[in-house]
């Protein structure tokens, strides 16, 4: 269905958590569901029929709460969580696009972001297993201003500490790295450069799961991993993690585009 798209979560090590999470030995399969999709109800039914492990939902904060006084409409989101809970499906929220009222000069406000995320965790309980925090943070479109590994690390670690203080077990997923942005010093960094910046700012100590968006796939899936348009690009990301001796962290591929039929000049 048009409202469903691919999500792949790799295995962990034991069997106590949802498939794909740290602590689970099982591979996790999921799909995206569009809250505004014309086939929303059919997509929910398909997710149940497919016996998915996960449903992933884009939650655009700027549309959901355009002003601080906006009461967010949770009707569609509530339905996703009702169906997921009743059918043993875990949910990942991809929390993106901070509204203007929640922005600082360096990026989204950590405190305001934390308030909303903790409210979501309280509302949806254990069914909300993971939150992808500002995916595409290596781009200005994802971060809301010029991307900065230091600023992202500061926000992420602040939220993580507040979650731990509140004893919230929902997993926080870092990065949502866009594998093929249009690189410009003001608007985007390569995923490799941004990941190195995260490690410069202590990611080995605070990043348990790194998410990767394979957004520009082109050509043969077996092309060398150094090409951002290659499906195997995740191998290049893993090499950076190994370089920083961070092999106990996980990679989640949270978005895979369908190739549009064009051929990259490098293929």
C-alpha atoms as a PDB file:
ATOM      1  CA  UNK A   1       0.000   0.000   0.000  1.00  0.00           C
ATOM      2  CA  UNK A   2       1.059   3.570  -0.587  1.00  0.00           C
ATOM      3  CA  UNK A   3       1.017   4.265   3.133  1.00  0.00           C
ATOM      4  CA  UNK A   4       3.592   1.572   3.875  1.00  0.00           C
ATOM      5  CA  UNK A   5       7.337   1.724   3.188  1.00  0.00           C
ATOM      6  CA  UNK A   6      10.344  -0.274   4.336  1.00  0.00           C
ATOM      7  CA  UNK A   7      12.070  -0.275   7.708  1.00  0.00           C
ATOM      8  CA  UNK A   8      14.829  -2.710   8.713  1.00  0.00           C
ATOM      9  CA  UNK A   9      16.161  -3.097  12.244  1.00  0.00           C
ATOM     10  CA  UNK A  10      19.150  -5.386  12.906  1.00  0.00           C
ATOM     11  CA  UNK A  11      19.372  -7.990  15.674  1.00  0.00           C
ATOM     12  CA  UNK A  12      20.713  -7.536  19.195  1.00  0.00           C
ATOM     13  CA  UNK A  13      21.951 -10.195  21.605  1.00  0.00           C
ATOM     14  CA  UNK A  14      19.250 -11.591  23.938  1.00  0.00           C
ATOM     15  CA  UNK A  15      15.496 -12.181  23.711  1.00  0.00           C
ATOM     16  CA  UNK A  16      13.907  -9.801  26.226  1.00  0.00           C
ATOM     17  CA  UNK A  17      13.197  -6.740  24.052  1.00  0.00           C
ATOM     18  CA  UNK A  18      11.191  -6.056  20.904  1.00  0.00           C
ATOM     19  CA  UNK A  19      12.779  -7.540  17.755  1.00  0.00           C
ATOM     20  CA  UNK A  20      15.585  -5.309  16.548  1.00  0.00           C
ATOM     21  CA  UNK A  21      16.142  -3.542  19.875  1.00  0.00           C
ATOM     22  CA  UNK A  22      19.271  -3.970  22.004  1.00  0.00           C
ATOM     23  CA  UNK A  23      18.645  -7.024  24.135  1.00  0.00           C
ATOM     24  CA  UNK A  24      16.790  -8.920  21.395  1.00  0.00           C
ATOM     25  CA  UNK A  25      18.351 -11.673  19.289  1.00  0.00           C
ATOM     26  CA  UNK A  26      15.642 -11.331  16.647  1.00  0.00           C
ATOM     27  CA  UNK A  27      15.713  -9.319  13.442  1.00  0.00           C
ATOM     28  CA  UNK A  28      13.009  -6.654  13.318  1.00  0.00           C
ATOM     29  CA  UNK A  29      10.905  -5.914  10.241  1.00  0.00           C
ATOM     30  CA  UNK A  30       8.617  -2.945   9.968  1.00  0.00           C
ATOM     31  CA  UNK A  31       6.937  -0.422   7.722  1.00  0.00           C
ATOM     32  CA  UNK A  32       6.134   3.251   7.723  1.00  0.00           C
ATOM     33  CA  UNK A  33       2.550   4.373   8.001  1.00  0.00           C
ATOM     34  CA  UNK A  34       1.409   7.807   6.855  1.00  0.00           C
ATOM     35  CA  UNK A  35      -0.972   9.422   9.354  1.00  0.00           C
ATOM     36  CA  UNK A  36      -2.420  11.569   6.565  1.00  0.00           C
ATOM     37  CA  UNK A  37      -2.447   8.821   3.932  1.00  0.00           C
ATOM     38  CA  UNK A  38      -5.603   8.209   1.925  1.00  0.00           C
ATOM     39  CA  UNK A  39      -5.225   4.472   2.659  1.00  0.00           C
ATOM     40  CA  UNK A  40      -4.518   4.888   6.363  1.00  0.00           C
ATOM     41  CA  UNK A  41      -7.076   2.349   7.601  1.00  0.00           C
ATOM     42  CA  UNK A  42      -6.187  -0.178   4.907  1.00  0.00           C
ATOM     43  CA  UNK A  43      -2.502   0.236   5.758  1.00  0.00           C
ATOM     44  CA  UNK A  44      -3.159  -0.488   9.435  1.00  0.00           C
ATOM     45  CA  UNK A  45      -5.012  -3.646   8.458  1.00  0.00           C
ATOM     46  CA  UNK A  46      -2.143  -4.646   6.159  1.00  0.00           C
ATOM     47  CA  UNK A  47       0.370  -4.148   8.963  1.00  0.00           C
ATOM     48  CA  UNK A  48      -1.587  -6.599  11.117  1.00  0.00           C
ATOM     49  CA  UNK A  49      -1.992  -9.098   8.271  1.00  0.00           C
ATOM     50  CA  UNK A  50       1.751  -8.946   7.527  1.00  0.00           C
ATOM     51  CA  UNK A  51       2.544  -9.655  11.195  1.00  0.00           C
ATOM     52  CA  UNK A  52       5.071  -6.831  11.273  1.00  0.00           C
ATOM     53  CA  UNK A  53       7.339  -6.382  14.291  1.00  0.00           C
ATOM     54  CA  UNK A  54       7.261  -2.590  13.998  1.00  0.00           C
ATOM     55  CA  UNK A  55       5.258   0.339  12.743  1.00  0.00           C
ATOM     56  CA  UNK A  56       7.146   3.576  12.153  1.00  0.00           C
ATOM     57  CA  UNK A  57       5.410   6.951  12.120  1.00  0.00           C
ATOM     58  CA  UNK A  58       6.663  10.336  10.985  1.00  0.00           C
ATOM     59  CA  UNK A  59       5.613  12.929  13.542  1.00  0.00           C
ATOM     60  CA  UNK A  60       6.217  16.404  12.131  1.00  0.00           C
ATOM     61  CA  UNK A  61       6.325  18.598  15.242  1.00  0.00           C
ATOM     62  CA  UNK A  62       5.996  21.843  13.253  1.00  0.00           C
ATOM     63  CA  UNK A  63       2.724  20.661  11.690  1.00  0.00           C
ATOM     64  CA  UNK A  64       1.452  18.933  14.822  1.00  0.00           C
ATOM     65  CA  UNK A  65       2.049  21.923  17.104  1.00  0.00           C
ATOM     66  CA  UNK A  66       2.612  25.035  14.950  1.00  0.00           C
ATOM     67  CA  UNK A  67       2.284  27.201  18.079  1.00  0.00           C
ATOM     68  CA  UNK A  68       3.095  26.472  21.691  1.00  0.00           C
ATOM     69  CA  UNK A  69      -0.595  26.885  22.511  1.00  0.00           C
ATOM     70  CA  UNK A  70      -1.785  24.359  19.903  1.00  0.00           C
ATOM     71  CA  UNK A  71      -3.592  21.311  21.247  1.00  0.00           C
ATOM     72  CA  UNK A  72      -2.231  18.532  19.021  1.00  0.00           C
ATOM     73  CA  UNK A  73      -4.661  16.309  17.153  1.00  0.00           C
ATOM     74  CA  UNK A  74      -3.836  12.772  18.302  1.00  0.00           C
ATOM     75  CA  UNK A  75      -6.752  10.910  16.694  1.00  0.00           C
ATOM     76  CA  UNK A  76      -4.768   9.121  13.960  1.00  0.00           C
ATOM     77  CA  UNK A  77      -1.765   8.553  16.217  1.00  0.00           C
ATOM     78  CA  UNK A  78      -4.000   7.118  18.938  1.00  0.00           C
ATOM     79  CA  UNK A  79      -5.433   4.672  16.403  1.00  0.00           C
ATOM     80  CA  UNK A  80      -1.953   3.527  15.336  1.00  0.00           C
ATOM     81  CA  UNK A  81      -1.024   2.826  18.947  1.00  0.00           C
ATOM     82  CA  UNK A  82      -4.350   1.106  19.687  1.00  0.00           C
ATOM     83  CA  UNK A  83      -3.914  -1.286  16.767  1.00  0.00           C
ATOM     84  CA  UNK A  84      -0.227  -1.794  17.532  1.00  0.00           C
ATOM     85  CA  UNK A  85      -0.834  -2.544  21.200  1.00  0.00           C
ATOM     86  CA  UNK A  86      -3.662  -4.964  20.458  1.00  0.00           C
ATOM     87  CA  UNK A  87      -1.511  -6.866  17.980  1.00  0.00           C
ATOM     88  CA  UNK A  88       1.845  -6.874  19.747  1.00  0.00           C
ATOM     89  CA  UNK A  89       3.484  -4.463  17.305  1.00  0.00           C
ATOM     90  CA  UNK A  90       6.143  -2.048  18.571  1.00  0.00           C
ATOM     91  CA  UNK A  91       6.066   1.570  17.367  1.00  0.00           C
ATOM     92  CA  UNK A  92       8.915   3.904  16.464  1.00  0.00           C
ATOM     93  CA  UNK A  93       8.148   7.612  16.215  1.00  0.00           C
ATOM     94  CA  UNK A  94      10.395   9.590  13.901  1.00  0.00           C
ATOM     95  CA  UNK A  95      10.242  12.985  15.614  1.00  0.00           C
ATOM     96  CA  UNK A  96      11.158  15.701  13.130  1.00  0.00           C
ATOM     97  CA  UNK A  97      10.973  19.390  12.203  1.00  0.00           C
ATOM     98  CA  UNK A  98      10.918  21.519  15.336  1.00  0.00           C
ATOM     99  CA  UNK A  99       8.518  24.479  15.030  1.00  0.00           C
ATOM    100  CA  UNK A 100       9.894  28.016  15.122  1.00  0.00           C
ATOM    101  CA  UNK A 101       8.791  28.504  18.739  1.00  0.00           C
ATOM    102  CA  UNK A 102      10.935  25.524  19.814  1.00  0.00           C
ATOM    103  CA  UNK A 103      14.098  26.567  17.967  1.00  0.00           C
ATOM    104  CA  UNK A 104      17.258  28.185  19.340  1.00  0.00           C
ATOM    105  CA  UNK A 105      20.099  29.696  17.333  1.00  0.00           C
ATOM    106  CA  UNK A 106      21.939  26.360  17.381  1.00  0.00           C
ATOM    107  CA  UNK A 107      18.979  24.048  16.760  1.00  0.00           C
ATOM    108  CA  UNK A 108      15.879  22.666  18.487  1.00  0.00           C
ATOM    109  CA  UNK A 109      15.463  23.364  22.209  1.00  0.00           C
ATOM    110  CA  UNK A 110      16.470  20.293  24.220  1.00  0.00           C
ATOM    111  CA  UNK A 111      14.117  21.129  27.100  1.00  0.00           C
ATOM    112  CA  UNK A 112      11.066  21.727  24.906  1.00  0.00           C
ATOM    113  CA  UNK A 113      11.830  18.612  22.862  1.00  0.00           C
ATOM    114  CA  UNK A 114      12.153  16.585  26.050  1.00  0.00           C
ATOM    115  CA  UNK A 115       8.806  17.848  27.351  1.00  0.00           C
ATOM    116  CA  UNK A 116       6.971  16.709  24.225  1.00  0.00           C
ATOM    117  CA  UNK A 117       8.778  13.365  24.023  1.00  0.00           C
ATOM    118  CA  UNK A 118       8.088  12.565  27.684  1.00  0.00           C
ATOM    119  CA  UNK A 119       4.420  13.459  27.158  1.00  0.00           C
ATOM    120  CA  UNK A 120       4.287  11.020  24.227  1.00  0.00           C
ATOM    121  CA  UNK A 121       5.953   8.296  26.299  1.00  0.00           C
ATOM    122  CA  UNK A 122       3.458   8.791  29.123  1.00  0.00           C
ATOM    123  CA  UNK A 123       0.526   8.700  26.694  1.00  0.00           C
ATOM    124  CA  UNK A 124       1.546   5.595  24.745  1.00  0.00           C
ATOM    125  CA  UNK A 125       3.441   3.559  27.304  1.00  0.00           C
ATOM    126  CA  UNK A 126       5.433   0.466  26.426  1.00  0.00           C
ATOM    127  CA  UNK A 127       4.071   0.272  22.876  1.00  0.00           C
ATOM    128  CA  UNK A 128       6.243   3.298  22.070  1.00  0.00           C
ATOM    129  CA  UNK A 129       9.511   1.387  21.980  1.00  0.00           C
ATOM    130  CA  UNK A 130      11.732   3.866  20.139  1.00  0.00           C
ATOM    131  CA  UNK A 131      11.991   7.506  19.106  1.00  0.00           C
ATOM    132  CA  UNK A 132      14.208   8.636  16.234  1.00  0.00           C
ATOM    133  CA  UNK A 133      15.382  12.096  17.301  1.00  0.00           C
ATOM    134  CA  UNK A 134      15.416  14.651  14.471  1.00  0.00           C
ATOM    135  CA  UNK A 135      16.326  12.370  11.558  1.00  0.00           C
ATOM    136  CA  UNK A 136      18.329  13.959   8.793  1.00  0.00           C
ATOM    137  CA  UNK A 137      20.244  15.950  11.400  1.00  0.00           C
ATOM    138  CA  UNK A 138      23.180  16.212   8.977  1.00  0.00           C
ATOM    139  CA  UNK A 139      21.017  18.542   6.867  1.00  0.00           C
ATOM    140  CA  UNK A 140      19.458  21.909   7.637  1.00  0.00           C
ATOM    141  CA  UNK A 141      16.120  20.486   6.496  1.00  0.00           C
ATOM    142  CA  UNK A 142      16.338  17.890   9.260  1.00  0.00           C
ATOM    143  CA  UNK A 143      17.976  20.022  11.963  1.00  0.00           C
ATOM    144  CA  UNK A 144      16.257  23.341  11.272  1.00  0.00           C
ATOM    145  CA  UNK A 145      19.484  25.308  10.928  1.00  0.00           C
ATOM    146  CA  UNK A 146      23.059  24.628   9.832  1.00  0.00           C
ATOM    147  CA  UNK A 147      23.890  21.059  10.934  1.00  0.00           C
ATOM    148  CA  UNK A 148      26.289  20.688  13.854  1.00  0.00           C
ATOM    149  CA  UNK A 149      27.531  17.490  15.438  1.00  0.00           C
ATOM    150  CA  UNK A 150      28.231  19.369  18.675  1.00  0.00           C
ATOM    151  CA  UNK A 151      24.733  20.859  18.846  1.00  0.00           C
ATOM    152  CA  UNK A 152      23.083  17.524  18.076  1.00  0.00           C
ATOM    153  CA  UNK A 153      25.202  15.749  20.708  1.00  0.00           C
ATOM    154  CA  UNK A 154      24.247  18.387  23.293  1.00  0.00           C
ATOM    155  CA  UNK A 155      20.527  17.993  22.592  1.00  0.00           C
ATOM    156  CA  UNK A 156      20.601  14.200  22.473  1.00  0.00           C
ATOM    157  CA  UNK A 157      22.587  13.755  25.675  1.00  0.00           C
ATOM    158  CA  UNK A 158      20.361  16.253  27.503  1.00  0.00           C
ATOM    159  CA  UNK A 159      17.217  14.361  26.515  1.00  0.00           C
ATOM    160  CA  UNK A 160      18.794  10.996  27.311  1.00  0.00           C
ATOM    161  CA  UNK A 161      19.746  12.164  30.810  1.00  0.00           C
ATOM    162  CA  UNK A 162      16.222  13.456  31.427  1.00  0.00           C
ATOM    163  CA  UNK A 163      14.734  10.164  30.216  1.00  0.00           C
ATOM    164  CA  UNK A 164      17.017   8.239  32.560  1.00  0.00           C
ATOM    165  CA  UNK A 165      16.081  10.496  35.480  1.00  0.00           C
ATOM    166  CA  UNK A 166      12.401   9.867  34.748  1.00  0.00           C
ATOM    167  CA  UNK A 167      13.049   6.092  34.359  1.00  0.00           C
ATOM    168  CA  UNK A 168      11.681   6.108  30.811  1.00  0.00           C
ATOM    169  CA  UNK A 169      12.762   2.976  28.936  1.00  0.00           C
ATOM    170  CA  UNK A 170      11.832   4.083  25.410  1.00  0.00           C
ATOM    171  CA  UNK A 171      14.916   3.826  23.207  1.00  0.00           C
ATOM    172  CA  UNK A 172      16.359   7.014  21.717  1.00  0.00           C
ATOM    173  CA  UNK A 173      17.665   6.605  18.172  1.00  0.00           C
ATOM    174  CA  UNK A 174      20.368   9.004  17.034  1.00  0.00           C
ATOM    175  CA  UNK A 175      21.104  10.650  13.746  1.00  0.00           C
ATOM    176  CA  UNK A 176      18.751   9.442  11.054  1.00  0.00           C
ATOM    177  CA  UNK A 177      21.709  10.174   8.797  1.00  0.00           C
ATOM    178  CA  UNK A 178      20.740  11.156   5.263  1.00  0.00           C
ATOM    179  CA  UNK A 179      23.101   9.103   3.120  1.00  0.00           C
ATOM    180  CA  UNK A 180      22.881  11.294   0.015  1.00  0.00           C
ATOM    181  CA  UNK A 181      22.267  14.960   0.845  1.00  0.00           C
ATOM    182  CA  UNK A 182      23.117  17.803  -1.487  1.00  0.00           C
ATOM    183  CA  UNK A 183      26.246  18.810   0.418  1.00  0.00           C
ATOM    184  CA  UNK A 184      26.760  22.488   1.168  1.00  0.00           C
ATOM    185  CA  UNK A 185      28.608  23.958   4.132  1.00  0.00           C
ATOM    186  CA  UNK A 186      25.506  25.891   5.211  1.00  0.00           C
ATOM    187  CA  UNK A 187      22.809  23.319   4.532  1.00  0.00           C
ATOM    188  CA  UNK A 188      24.245  19.809   4.754  1.00  0.00           C
ATOM    189  CA  UNK A 189      27.153  17.615   5.791  1.00  0.00           C
ATOM    190  CA  UNK A 190      27.889  14.164   4.438  1.00  0.00           C
ATOM    191  CA  UNK A 191      26.727  11.404   6.744  1.00  0.00           C
ATOM    192  CA  UNK A 192      30.365  10.348   7.232  1.00  0.00           C
ATOM    193  CA  UNK A 193      31.489  13.839   8.263  1.00  0.00           C
ATOM    194  CA  UNK A 194      28.528  14.268  10.588  1.00  0.00           C
ATOM    195  CA  UNK A 195      29.135  10.882  12.196  1.00  0.00           C
ATOM    196  CA  UNK A 196      32.772  11.789  12.806  1.00  0.00           C
ATOM    197  CA  UNK A 197      31.561  15.016  14.446  1.00  0.00           C
ATOM    198  CA  UNK A 198      29.273  12.994  16.718  1.00  0.00           C
ATOM    199  CA  UNK A 199      32.226  10.866  17.809  1.00  0.00           C
ATOM    200  CA  UNK A 200      34.297  13.985  18.406  1.00  0.00           C
ATOM    201  CA  UNK A 201      31.494  14.929  20.810  1.00  0.00           C
ATOM    202  CA  UNK A 202      31.498  11.662  22.730  1.00  0.00           C
ATOM    203  CA  UNK A 203      28.999   9.533  20.777  1.00  0.00           C
ATOM    204  CA  UNK A 204      30.729   6.359  21.876  1.00  0.00           C
ATOM    205  CA  UNK A 205      29.408   7.033  25.389  1.00  0.00           C
ATOM    206  CA  UNK A 206      25.814   7.991  24.565  1.00  0.00           C
ATOM    207  CA  UNK A 207      24.784   6.492  21.211  1.00  0.00           C
ATOM    208  CA  UNK A 208      23.352   2.970  21.486  1.00  0.00           C
ATOM    209  CA  UNK A 209      21.557   2.987  18.130  1.00  0.00           C
ATOM    210  CA  UNK A 210      22.451   5.007  15.035  1.00  0.00           C
ATOM    211  CA  UNK A 211      19.832   5.273  12.301  1.00  0.00           C
ATOM    212  CA  UNK A 212      20.609   5.606   8.614  1.00  0.00           C
ATOM    213  CA  UNK A 213      18.357   6.735   5.777  1.00  0.00           C
ATOM    214  CA  UNK A 214      19.332   5.320   2.385  1.00  0.00           C
ATOM    215  CA  UNK A 215      17.707   8.096   0.386  1.00  0.00           C
ATOM    216  CA  UNK A 216      19.527   8.122  -2.943  1.00  0.00           C
ATOM    217  CA  UNK A 217      19.751   4.491  -4.006  1.00  0.00           C
ATOM    218  CA  UNK A 218      20.833   3.993  -7.584  1.00  0.00           C
ATOM    219  CA  UNK A 219      22.322   1.246  -9.706  1.00  0.00           C
ATOM    220  CA  UNK A 220      23.464  -2.195  -8.607  1.00  0.00           C
ATOM    221  CA  UNK A 221      22.726  -2.993  -4.912  1.00  0.00           C
ATOM    222  CA  UNK A 222      26.149  -4.661  -4.728  1.00  0.00           C
ATOM    223  CA  UNK A 223      28.065  -1.513  -5.702  1.00  0.00           C
ATOM    224  CA  UNK A 224      30.947  -0.583  -3.397  1.00  0.00           C
ATOM    225  CA  UNK A 225      29.846   0.800  -0.005  1.00  0.00           C
ATOM    226  CA  UNK A 226      31.850   4.020  -0.416  1.00  0.00           C
ATOM    227  CA  UNK A 227      29.157   5.262  -2.812  1.00  0.00           C
ATOM    228  CA  UNK A 228      26.302   6.976  -0.915  1.00  0.00           C
ATOM    229  CA  UNK A 229      23.891   5.756  -3.602  1.00  0.00           C
ATOM    230  CA  UNK A 230      24.787   2.113  -2.879  1.00  0.00           C
ATOM    231  CA  UNK A 231      22.632  -0.097  -0.675  1.00  0.00           C
ATOM    232  CA  UNK A 232      25.903  -1.306   0.888  1.00  0.00           C
ATOM    233  CA  UNK A 233      26.679   2.228   2.103  1.00  0.00           C
ATOM    234  CA  UNK A 234      25.813   1.095   5.628  1.00  0.00           C
ATOM    235  CA  UNK A 235      29.098  -0.836   5.546  1.00  0.00           C
ATOM    236  CA  UNK A 236      30.990   2.459   5.229  1.00  0.00           C
ATOM    237  CA  UNK A 237      29.084   3.790   8.240  1.00  0.00           C
ATOM    238  CA  UNK A 238      30.012   0.665  10.192  1.00  0.00           C
ATOM    239  CA  UNK A 239      33.673   1.154   9.311  1.00  0.00           C
ATOM    240  CA  UNK A 240      33.600   4.609  10.926  1.00  0.00           C
ATOM    241  CA  UNK A 241      32.013   3.122  14.042  1.00  0.00           C
ATOM    242  CA  UNK A 242      34.736   0.484  14.170  1.00  0.00           C
ATOM    243  CA  UNK A 243      37.385   3.169  13.689  1.00  0.00           C
ATOM    244  CA  UNK A 244      36.107   4.796  16.887  1.00  0.00           C
ATOM    245  CA  UNK A 245      35.952   1.389  18.640  1.00  0.00           C
ATOM    246  CA  UNK A 246      32.176   1.529  18.885  1.00  0.00           C
ATOM    247  CA  UNK A 247      31.244  -1.881  17.549  1.00  0.00           C
ATOM    248  CA  UNK A 248      28.747  -2.607  20.337  1.00  0.00           C
ATOM    249  CA  UNK A 249      26.365   0.024  18.970  1.00  0.00           C
ATOM    250  CA  UNK A 250      23.667  -0.853  16.435  1.00  0.00           C
ATOM    251  CA  UNK A 251      22.710   0.510  13.021  1.00  0.00           C
ATOM    252  CA  UNK A 252      19.045   0.762  12.116  1.00  0.00           C
ATOM    253  CA  UNK A 253      18.218   1.366   8.462  1.00  0.00           C
ATOM    254  CA  UNK A 254      15.026   3.329   8.981  1.00  0.00           C
ATOM    255  CA  UNK A 255      14.322   4.458   5.439  1.00  0.00           C
ATOM    256  CA  UNK A 256      15.034   2.931   2.040  1.00  0.00           C
ATOM    257  CA  UNK A 257      13.863   4.754  -1.061  1.00  0.00           C
ATOM    258  CA  UNK A 258      12.611   2.933  -4.121  1.00  0.00           C
ATOM    259  CA  UNK A 259      15.103   3.717  -6.919  1.00  0.00           C
ATOM    260  CA  UNK A 260      13.498   6.088  -9.434  1.00  0.00           C
ATOM    261  CA  UNK A 261      15.033   4.425 -12.493  1.00  0.00           C
ATOM    262  CA  UNK A 262      17.692   7.044 -13.106  1.00  0.00           C
ATOM    263  CA  UNK A 263      21.305   5.923 -13.220  1.00  0.00           C
ATOM    264  CA  UNK A 264      23.892   7.719 -11.132  1.00  0.00           C
ATOM    265  CA  UNK A 265      26.828   8.964 -13.221  1.00  0.00           C
ATOM    266  CA  UNK A 266      29.186   7.003 -10.964  1.00  0.00           C
ATOM    267  CA  UNK A 267      27.411   3.676 -11.531  1.00  0.00           C
END
